[in-house]
Amino acid sequence: MKQNAKLIKRNKYANFNFFIFKEYLCGLILEGIEVKAFREGRVKIENSYVKVLDGEVYLINAITDNAQSRNIKLLLKKSQIREIANHLKQKGNVVIPLSILLSHNLIKIEVGAGRGKKKYDKHKSIIDKENIKYARNFVGKMPF
């Protein structure tokens, strides 16, 4: 994420359900009322994913506030498109949206290339979070 970018929406399930290997910052081609919906964060990106169609990258299944879903074209460099296409060719790999940002008055989306977690990986993530939380509470209660 860029330093001067304002976070509009974050996909909080992305890091829990997927191992993210690489992140890309993309522009979006939006139409009409979608711009206002994206700026105000009235968009659902939790169940959306990225797909390469005819050499172009699209965000599939992003639902705006008026329950419309359409394929939104993402703006990337050709080398990045090739990287994403090669990543998606491998079995089990996905590219999902991580967050929506407002950078210099332009709407950007950060997508991550990764692989889905198994149930035991998710369980390990929960245990690690609980251990960190416990350690912070324990250190906070110690008299110095």
N, C-alpha and C. Protein backbone atom coordinates (compact mmCIF):
# COMPACT_ATOMS: atom_id res chain seq x y z
N MET A 1 0.84 -1.18 0.00
CA MET A 1 0.00 0.00 0.00
C MET A 1 0.89 1.25 0.00
N LYS A 2 0.52 2.25 -0.78
CA LYS A 2 1.29 3.47 -0.85
C LYS A 2 1.14 4.27 0.45
N GLN A 3 2.14 5.11 0.73
CA GLN A 3 2.13 5.88 1.96
C GLN A 3 1.04 6.94 1.96
N ASN A 4 0.80 7.59 0.82
CA ASN A 4 -0.14 8.70 0.78
C ASN A 4 -1.53 8.28 0.31
N ALA A 5 -1.81 7.00 0.30
CA ALA A 5 -3.10 6.50 -0.16
C ALA A 5 -4.05 6.35 1.02
N LYS A 6 -5.33 6.68 0.79
CA LYS A 6 -6.36 6.55 1.82
C LYS A 6 -7.07 5.21 1.61
N LEU A 7 -7.16 4.43 2.66
CA LEU A 7 -7.83 3.13 2.60
C LEU A 7 -9.34 3.33 2.61
N ILE A 8 -10.01 2.80 1.58
CA ILE A 8 -11.47 2.91 1.49
C ILE A 8 -12.12 1.64 2.01
N LYS A 9 -11.66 0.49 1.54
CA LYS A 9 -12.26 -0.79 1.91
C LYS A 9 -11.16 -1.84 1.94
N ARG A 10 -11.24 -2.76 2.91
CA ARG A 10 -10.25 -3.82 3.03
C ARG A 10 -10.97 -5.15 3.05
N ASN A 11 -10.40 -6.13 2.35
CA ASN A 11 -10.94 -7.48 2.34
C ASN A 11 -10.35 -8.21 3.54
N LYS A 12 -11.11 -8.22 4.64
CA LYS A 12 -10.56 -8.76 5.89
C LYS A 12 -10.44 -10.28 5.89
N TYR A 13 -11.10 -10.95 4.94
CA TYR A 13 -11.02 -12.41 4.88
C TYR A 13 -9.87 -12.90 3.99
N ALA A 14 -9.24 -11.99 3.27
CA ALA A 14 -8.21 -12.40 2.31
C ALA A 14 -7.03 -13.09 2.99
N ASN A 15 -6.50 -12.49 4.03
CA ASN A 15 -5.31 -13.07 4.67
C ASN A 15 -5.66 -14.27 5.53
N PHE A 16 -6.91 -14.42 5.92
CA PHE A 16 -7.31 -15.59 6.69
C PHE A 16 -7.52 -16.80 5.79
N ASN A 17 -8.07 -16.59 4.60
CA ASN A 17 -8.39 -17.69 3.70
C ASN A 17 -7.30 -18.01 2.69
N PHE A 18 -6.31 -17.13 2.52
CA PHE A 18 -5.30 -17.32 1.47
C PHE A 18 -3.91 -16.95 1.97
N PHE A 19 -2.89 -17.64 1.43
CA PHE A 19 -1.51 -17.22 1.56
C PHE A 19 -1.25 -16.26 0.40
N ILE A 20 -0.86 -15.04 0.68
CA ILE A 20 -0.62 -14.04 -0.36
C ILE A 20 0.88 -13.98 -0.64
N PHE A 21 1.27 -14.24 -1.91
CA PHE A 21 2.68 -14.26 -2.30
C PHE A 21 3.14 -12.93 -2.87
N LYS A 22 2.33 -12.31 -3.71
CA LYS A 22 2.73 -11.07 -4.37
C LYS A 22 1.52 -10.15 -4.48
N GLU A 23 1.76 -8.85 -4.36
CA GLU A 23 0.68 -7.86 -4.44
C GLU A 23 0.92 -6.92 -5.62
N TYR A 24 -0.18 -6.51 -6.23
CA TYR A 24 -0.15 -5.58 -7.37
C TYR A 24 -1.11 -4.43 -7.09
N LEU A 25 -0.73 -3.22 -7.47
CA LEU A 25 -1.59 -2.06 -7.36
C LEU A 25 -2.11 -1.73 -8.76
N CYS A 26 -3.44 -1.71 -8.93
CA CYS A 26 -4.05 -1.57 -10.25
C CYS A 26 -5.00 -0.37 -10.27
N GLY A 27 -5.16 0.18 -11.45
CA GLY A 27 -6.20 1.15 -11.68
C GLY A 27 -7.48 0.44 -12.08
N LEU A 28 -8.60 1.15 -12.07
CA LEU A 28 -9.90 0.57 -12.42
C LEU A 28 -10.56 1.39 -13.50
N ILE A 29 -11.33 0.72 -14.36
CA ILE A 29 -12.18 1.43 -15.31
C ILE A 29 -13.60 1.29 -14.80
N LEU A 30 -14.14 2.39 -14.28
CA LEU A 30 -15.48 2.39 -13.69
C LEU A 30 -16.42 3.22 -14.53
N GLU A 31 -17.70 2.95 -14.40
CA GLU A 31 -18.72 3.67 -15.16
C GLU A 31 -19.70 4.35 -14.21
N GLY A 32 -19.99 5.62 -14.48
CA GLY A 32 -21.06 6.35 -13.83
C GLY A 32 -21.10 6.26 -12.31
N ILE A 33 -22.18 5.70 -11.80
CA ILE A 33 -22.44 5.67 -10.37
C ILE A 33 -21.48 4.75 -9.61
N GLU A 34 -20.78 3.89 -10.32
CA GLU A 34 -19.82 3.00 -9.66
C GLU A 34 -18.71 3.80 -8.99
N VAL A 35 -18.32 4.92 -9.58
CA VAL A 35 -17.26 5.74 -9.01
C VAL A 35 -17.65 6.21 -7.62
N LYS A 36 -18.87 6.71 -7.48
CA LYS A 36 -19.35 7.19 -6.19
C LYS A 36 -19.45 6.05 -5.18
N ALA A 37 -19.93 4.90 -5.64
CA ALA A 37 -20.06 3.75 -4.75
C ALA A 37 -18.69 3.29 -4.26
N PHE A 38 -17.69 3.26 -5.14
CA PHE A 38 -16.35 2.84 -4.75
C PHE A 38 -15.73 3.85 -3.79
N ARG A 39 -15.91 5.14 -4.06
CA ARG A 39 -15.33 6.17 -3.20
C ARG A 39 -15.90 6.11 -1.78
N GLU A 40 -17.18 5.80 -1.67
CA GLU A 40 -17.83 5.75 -0.36
C GLU A 40 -17.73 4.38 0.29
N GLY A 41 -17.09 3.42 -0.38
CA GLY A 41 -16.89 2.11 0.20
C GLY A 41 -18.11 1.22 0.16
N ARG A 42 -19.08 1.54 -0.68
CA ARG A 42 -20.29 0.73 -0.79
C ARG A 42 -20.12 -0.33 -1.87
N VAL A 43 -19.15 -1.17 -1.69
CA VAL A 43 -18.86 -2.23 -2.64
C VAL A 43 -18.42 -3.46 -1.85
N LYS A 44 -18.82 -4.64 -2.32
CA LYS A 44 -18.45 -5.88 -1.65
C LYS A 44 -17.39 -6.59 -2.51
N ILE A 45 -16.22 -6.76 -1.93
CA ILE A 45 -15.13 -7.41 -2.65
C ILE A 45 -14.73 -8.73 -2.01
N GLU A 46 -15.46 -9.15 -0.98
CA GLU A 46 -15.10 -10.37 -0.26
C GLU A 46 -15.18 -11.61 -1.13
N ASN A 47 -16.18 -11.70 -2.00
CA ASN A 47 -16.37 -12.89 -2.83
C ASN A 47 -15.89 -12.69 -4.26
N SER A 48 -15.17 -11.62 -4.52
CA SER A 48 -14.73 -11.36 -5.88
C SER A 48 -13.32 -11.93 -6.11
N TYR A 49 -12.96 -12.04 -7.37
CA TYR A 49 -11.67 -12.59 -7.76
C TYR A 49 -11.24 -11.95 -9.07
N VAL A 50 -9.99 -12.19 -9.46
CA VAL A 50 -9.42 -11.61 -10.66
C VAL A 50 -9.21 -12.72 -11.68
N LYS A 51 -9.53 -12.40 -12.94
CA LYS A 51 -9.40 -13.38 -14.02
C LYS A 51 -8.81 -12.69 -15.24
N VAL A 52 -8.02 -13.43 -16.01
CA VAL A 52 -7.44 -12.90 -17.25
C VAL A 52 -8.29 -13.40 -18.41
N LEU A 53 -8.87 -12.47 -19.18
CA LEU A 53 -9.69 -12.80 -20.34
C LEU A 53 -9.14 -12.05 -21.55
N ASP A 54 -8.73 -12.78 -22.58
CA ASP A 54 -8.21 -12.19 -23.83
C ASP A 54 -7.06 -11.22 -23.59
N GLY A 55 -6.15 -11.56 -22.70
CA GLY A 55 -5.00 -10.71 -22.45
C GLY A 55 -5.28 -9.49 -21.60
N GLU A 56 -6.47 -9.39 -21.03
CA GLU A 56 -6.84 -8.27 -20.16
C GLU A 56 -7.28 -8.83 -18.82
N VAL A 57 -7.05 -8.05 -17.77
CA VAL A 57 -7.35 -8.50 -16.41
C VAL A 57 -8.66 -7.87 -15.95
N TYR A 58 -9.55 -8.70 -15.39
CA TYR A 58 -10.86 -8.24 -14.95
C TYR A 58 -11.10 -8.63 -13.50
N LEU A 59 -11.81 -7.76 -12.78
CA LEU A 59 -12.31 -8.06 -11.45
C LEU A 59 -13.71 -8.61 -11.61
N ILE A 60 -13.92 -9.85 -11.20
CA ILE A 60 -15.19 -10.54 -11.38
C ILE A 60 -15.95 -10.55 -10.06
N ASN A 61 -17.25 -10.32 -10.13
CA ASN A 61 -18.17 -10.49 -9.00
C ASN A 61 -18.00 -9.42 -7.92
N ALA A 62 -17.60 -8.21 -8.26
CA ALA A 62 -17.58 -7.10 -7.30
C ALA A 62 -18.96 -6.47 -7.32
N ILE A 63 -19.63 -6.45 -6.20
CA ILE A 63 -21.02 -6.00 -6.13
C ILE A 63 -21.06 -4.61 -5.51
N THR A 64 -21.66 -3.65 -6.24
CA THR A 64 -21.82 -2.31 -5.72
C THR A 64 -23.11 -2.23 -4.90
N ASP A 65 -23.40 -1.05 -4.36
CA ASP A 65 -24.52 -0.89 -3.45
C ASP A 65 -25.88 -1.17 -4.08
N ASN A 66 -26.01 -0.99 -5.38
CA ASN A 66 -27.31 -1.25 -6.02
C ASN A 66 -27.39 -2.68 -6.56
N ALA A 67 -26.64 -3.58 -5.95
CA ALA A 67 -26.66 -5.03 -6.24
C ALA A 67 -26.36 -5.36 -7.70
N GLN A 68 -25.54 -4.55 -8.33
CA GLN A 68 -25.11 -4.84 -9.69
C GLN A 68 -23.74 -5.51 -9.64
N SER A 69 -23.55 -6.46 -10.50
CA SER A 69 -22.26 -7.12 -10.61
C SER A 69 -21.86 -7.14 -12.07
N ARG A 70 -20.70 -6.58 -12.36
CA ARG A 70 -20.20 -6.62 -13.73
C ARG A 70 -18.70 -6.78 -13.68
N ASN A 71 -18.13 -7.17 -14.79
CA ASN A 71 -16.69 -7.35 -14.87
C ASN A 71 -16.03 -5.98 -14.99
N ILE A 72 -15.15 -5.66 -14.06
CA ILE A 72 -14.47 -4.37 -14.05
C ILE A 72 -13.04 -4.58 -14.53
N LYS A 73 -12.67 -3.84 -15.56
CA LYS A 73 -11.33 -3.99 -16.13
C LYS A 73 -10.31 -3.33 -15.22
N LEU A 74 -9.19 -4.04 -15.00
CA LEU A 74 -8.09 -3.53 -14.20
C LEU A 74 -6.96 -3.07 -15.12
N LEU A 75 -6.31 -1.99 -14.73
CA LEU A 75 -5.23 -1.42 -15.53
C LEU A 75 -3.88 -1.84 -14.95
N LEU A 76 -3.14 -2.62 -15.71
CA LEU A 76 -1.83 -3.12 -15.30
C LEU A 76 -0.86 -3.04 -16.47
N LYS A 77 0.43 -3.15 -16.17
CA LYS A 77 1.44 -3.23 -17.21
C LYS A 77 1.40 -4.63 -17.82
N LYS A 78 1.88 -4.74 -19.06
CA LYS A 78 1.86 -6.04 -19.74
C LYS A 78 2.66 -7.10 -19.00
N SER A 79 3.78 -6.70 -18.42
CA SER A 79 4.59 -7.67 -17.67
C SER A 79 3.83 -8.20 -16.46
N GLN A 80 3.08 -7.31 -15.80
CA GLN A 80 2.29 -7.74 -14.64
C GLN A 80 1.14 -8.64 -15.07
N ILE A 81 0.54 -8.35 -16.22
CA ILE A 81 -0.54 -9.20 -16.73
C ILE A 81 -0.01 -10.59 -17.02
N ARG A 82 1.19 -10.67 -17.62
CA ARG A 82 1.80 -11.98 -17.89
C ARG A 82 2.09 -12.74 -16.60
N GLU A 83 2.58 -12.04 -15.58
CA GLU A 83 2.84 -12.68 -14.29
C GLU A 83 1.57 -13.25 -13.69
N ILE A 84 0.50 -12.47 -13.73
CA ILE A 84 -0.79 -12.93 -13.18
C ILE A 84 -1.32 -14.11 -13.98
N ALA A 85 -1.22 -14.03 -15.31
CA ALA A 85 -1.71 -15.13 -16.15
C ALA A 85 -0.93 -16.41 -15.86
N ASN A 86 0.38 -16.31 -15.72
CA ASN A 86 1.19 -17.49 -15.41
C ASN A 86 0.86 -18.04 -14.02
N HIS A 87 0.59 -17.15 -13.09
CA HIS A 87 0.23 -17.57 -11.74
C HIS A 87 -1.10 -18.33 -11.74
N LEU A 88 -2.05 -17.84 -12.52
CA LEU A 88 -3.38 -18.46 -12.55
C LEU A 88 -3.38 -19.79 -13.29
N LYS A 89 -2.39 -20.03 -14.15
CA LYS A 89 -2.33 -21.30 -14.87
C LYS A 89 -2.03 -22.48 -13.95
N GLN A 90 -1.35 -22.22 -12.84
CA GLN A 90 -1.02 -23.28 -11.91
C GLN A 90 -2.25 -23.64 -11.08
N LYS A 91 -2.39 -24.92 -10.80
CA LYS A 91 -3.56 -25.41 -10.08
C LYS A 91 -3.57 -24.89 -8.63
N GLY A 92 -4.72 -24.41 -8.19
CA GLY A 92 -4.89 -23.98 -6.81
C GLY A 92 -4.53 -22.53 -6.55
N ASN A 93 -4.00 -21.82 -7.54
CA ASN A 93 -3.62 -20.43 -7.35
C ASN A 93 -4.77 -19.51 -7.69
N VAL A 94 -4.86 -18.40 -6.97
CA VAL A 94 -5.91 -17.41 -7.19
C VAL A 94 -5.31 -16.01 -7.11
N VAL A 95 -6.03 -15.05 -7.65
CA VAL A 95 -5.71 -13.64 -7.48
C VAL A 95 -6.97 -12.98 -6.96
N ILE A 96 -6.88 -12.36 -5.79
CA ILE A 96 -8.06 -11.78 -5.14
C ILE A 96 -7.79 -10.32 -4.78
N PRO A 97 -8.85 -9.52 -4.65
CA PRO A 97 -8.66 -8.13 -4.22
C PRO A 97 -8.38 -8.07 -2.72
N LEU A 98 -7.42 -7.24 -2.34
CA LEU A 98 -7.07 -7.08 -0.94
C LEU A 98 -7.64 -5.80 -0.35
N SER A 99 -7.59 -4.71 -1.11
CA SER A 99 -8.10 -3.45 -0.59
C SER A 99 -8.39 -2.48 -1.73
N ILE A 100 -9.22 -1.49 -1.43
CA ILE A 100 -9.53 -0.41 -2.36
C ILE A 100 -8.94 0.86 -1.75
N LEU A 101 -8.20 1.61 -2.56
CA LEU A 101 -7.49 2.79 -2.08
C LEU A 101 -7.87 4.01 -2.89
N LEU A 102 -7.70 5.18 -2.29
CA LEU A 102 -7.86 6.45 -2.98
C LEU A 102 -6.51 7.13 -2.95
N SER A 103 -5.85 7.20 -4.12
CA SER A 103 -4.51 7.76 -4.22
C SER A 103 -4.51 8.90 -5.22
N HIS A 104 -4.20 10.10 -4.75
CA HIS A 104 -4.20 11.30 -5.60
C HIS A 104 -5.52 11.45 -6.33
N ASN A 105 -6.61 11.23 -5.63
CA ASN A 105 -7.98 11.38 -6.15
C ASN A 105 -8.31 10.34 -7.22
N LEU A 106 -7.55 9.26 -7.30
CA LEU A 106 -7.82 8.16 -8.22
C LEU A 106 -8.11 6.91 -7.42
N ILE A 107 -9.08 6.13 -7.87
CA ILE A 107 -9.42 4.89 -7.18
C ILE A 107 -8.51 3.79 -7.68
N LYS A 108 -7.84 3.12 -6.76
CA LYS A 108 -6.94 2.01 -7.07
C LYS A 108 -7.41 0.78 -6.30
N ILE A 109 -7.03 -0.37 -6.79
CA ILE A 109 -7.32 -1.61 -6.07
C ILE A 109 -6.03 -2.40 -5.94
N GLU A 110 -5.83 -2.94 -4.77
CA GLU A 110 -4.66 -3.76 -4.52
C GLU A 110 -5.10 -5.22 -4.58
N VAL A 111 -4.49 -5.98 -5.48
CA VAL A 111 -4.82 -7.39 -5.62
C VAL A 111 -3.62 -8.22 -5.22
N GLY A 112 -3.90 -9.42 -4.72
CA GLY A 112 -2.83 -10.29 -4.27
C GLY A 112 -2.90 -11.64 -4.94
N ALA A 113 -1.75 -12.14 -5.37
CA ALA A 113 -1.66 -13.47 -5.96
C ALA A 113 -1.29 -14.44 -4.84
N GLY A 114 -2.07 -15.51 -4.73
CA GLY A 114 -1.82 -16.43 -3.64
C GLY A 114 -2.41 -17.80 -3.87
N ARG A 115 -2.49 -18.55 -2.78
CA ARG A 115 -3.00 -19.91 -2.80
C ARG A 115 -3.92 -20.07 -1.59
N GLY A 116 -4.99 -20.83 -1.75
CA GLY A 116 -5.95 -21.04 -0.68
C GLY A 116 -5.37 -21.84 0.47
N LYS A 117 -5.80 -21.50 1.69
CA LYS A 117 -5.35 -22.23 2.87
C LYS A 117 -6.23 -23.44 3.10
N LYS A 118 -5.64 -24.46 3.67
CA LYS A 118 -6.39 -25.63 4.10
C LYS A 118 -6.98 -25.35 5.49
N LYS A 119 -7.84 -26.24 5.95
CA LYS A 119 -8.49 -26.04 7.23
C LYS A 119 -7.47 -25.99 8.37
N TYR A 120 -6.46 -26.85 8.31
CA TYR A 120 -5.46 -26.87 9.39
C TYR A 120 -4.58 -25.63 9.38
N ASP A 121 -4.39 -25.01 8.20
CA ASP A 121 -3.65 -23.76 8.13
C ASP A 121 -4.43 -22.63 8.80
N LYS A 122 -5.75 -22.62 8.57
CA LYS A 122 -6.59 -21.60 9.20
C LYS A 122 -6.60 -21.77 10.71
N HIS A 123 -6.65 -23.02 11.16
CA HIS A 123 -6.63 -23.30 12.60
C HIS A 123 -5.32 -22.81 13.22
N LYS A 124 -4.20 -23.04 12.51
CA LYS A 124 -2.90 -22.58 13.00
C LYS A 124 -2.85 -21.05 13.07
N SER A 125 -3.47 -20.37 12.10
CA SER A 125 -3.52 -18.90 12.11
C SER A 125 -4.27 -18.39 13.34
N ILE A 126 -5.38 -19.04 13.67
CA ILE A 126 -6.17 -18.63 14.83
C ILE A 126 -5.37 -18.83 16.11
N ILE A 127 -4.68 -19.95 16.23
CA ILE A 127 -3.86 -20.23 17.42
C ILE A 127 -2.73 -19.21 17.55
N ASP A 128 -2.09 -18.87 16.43
CA ASP A 128 -1.01 -17.88 16.47
C ASP A 128 -1.53 -16.52 16.92
N LYS A 129 -2.69 -16.10 16.43
CA LYS A 129 -3.28 -14.82 16.84
C LYS A 129 -3.60 -14.82 18.33
N GLU A 130 -4.15 -15.93 18.82
CA GLU A 130 -4.47 -16.01 20.24
C GLU A 130 -3.22 -15.98 21.10
N ASN A 131 -2.14 -16.63 20.66
CA ASN A 131 -0.89 -16.60 21.41
C ASN A 131 -0.30 -15.20 21.47
N ILE A 132 -0.35 -14.48 20.36
CA ILE A 132 0.15 -13.10 20.33
C ILE A 132 -0.68 -12.22 21.26
N LYS A 133 -1.98 -12.38 21.22
CA LYS A 133 -2.88 -11.61 22.07
C LYS A 133 -2.61 -11.90 23.55
N TYR A 134 -2.42 -13.18 23.88
CA TYR A 134 -2.13 -13.57 25.25
C TYR A 134 -0.81 -12.97 25.72
N ALA A 135 0.21 -13.01 24.86
CA ALA A 135 1.52 -12.47 25.21
C ALA A 135 1.45 -10.96 25.44
N ARG A 136 0.71 -10.26 24.63
CA ARG A 136 0.56 -8.81 24.81
C ARG A 136 -0.13 -8.49 26.13
N ASN A 137 -1.18 -9.23 26.46
CA ASN A 137 -1.88 -9.01 27.72
C ASN A 137 -0.98 -9.34 28.90
N PHE A 138 -0.20 -10.40 28.80
CA PHE A 138 0.68 -10.82 29.88
C PHE A 138 1.75 -9.78 30.14
N VAL A 139 2.37 -9.26 29.07
CA VAL A 139 3.41 -8.25 29.21
C VAL A 139 2.81 -6.96 29.75
N GLY A 140 1.60 -6.62 29.35
CA GLY A 140 0.95 -5.40 29.83
C GLY A 140 0.63 -5.44 31.31
N LYS A 141 0.41 -6.61 31.87
CA LYS A 141 0.04 -6.74 33.28
C LYS A 141 1.25 -6.89 34.20
N MET A 142 2.45 -7.05 33.64
CA MET A 142 3.65 -7.23 34.46
C MET A 142 4.07 -5.91 35.10
N PRO A 143 4.38 -5.93 36.40
CA PRO A 143 4.88 -4.70 37.05
C PRO A 143 6.37 -4.53 36.73
N PHE A 144 6.76 -3.32 36.36
CA PHE A 144 8.17 -3.06 36.04
C PHE A 144 8.77 -2.14 37.04
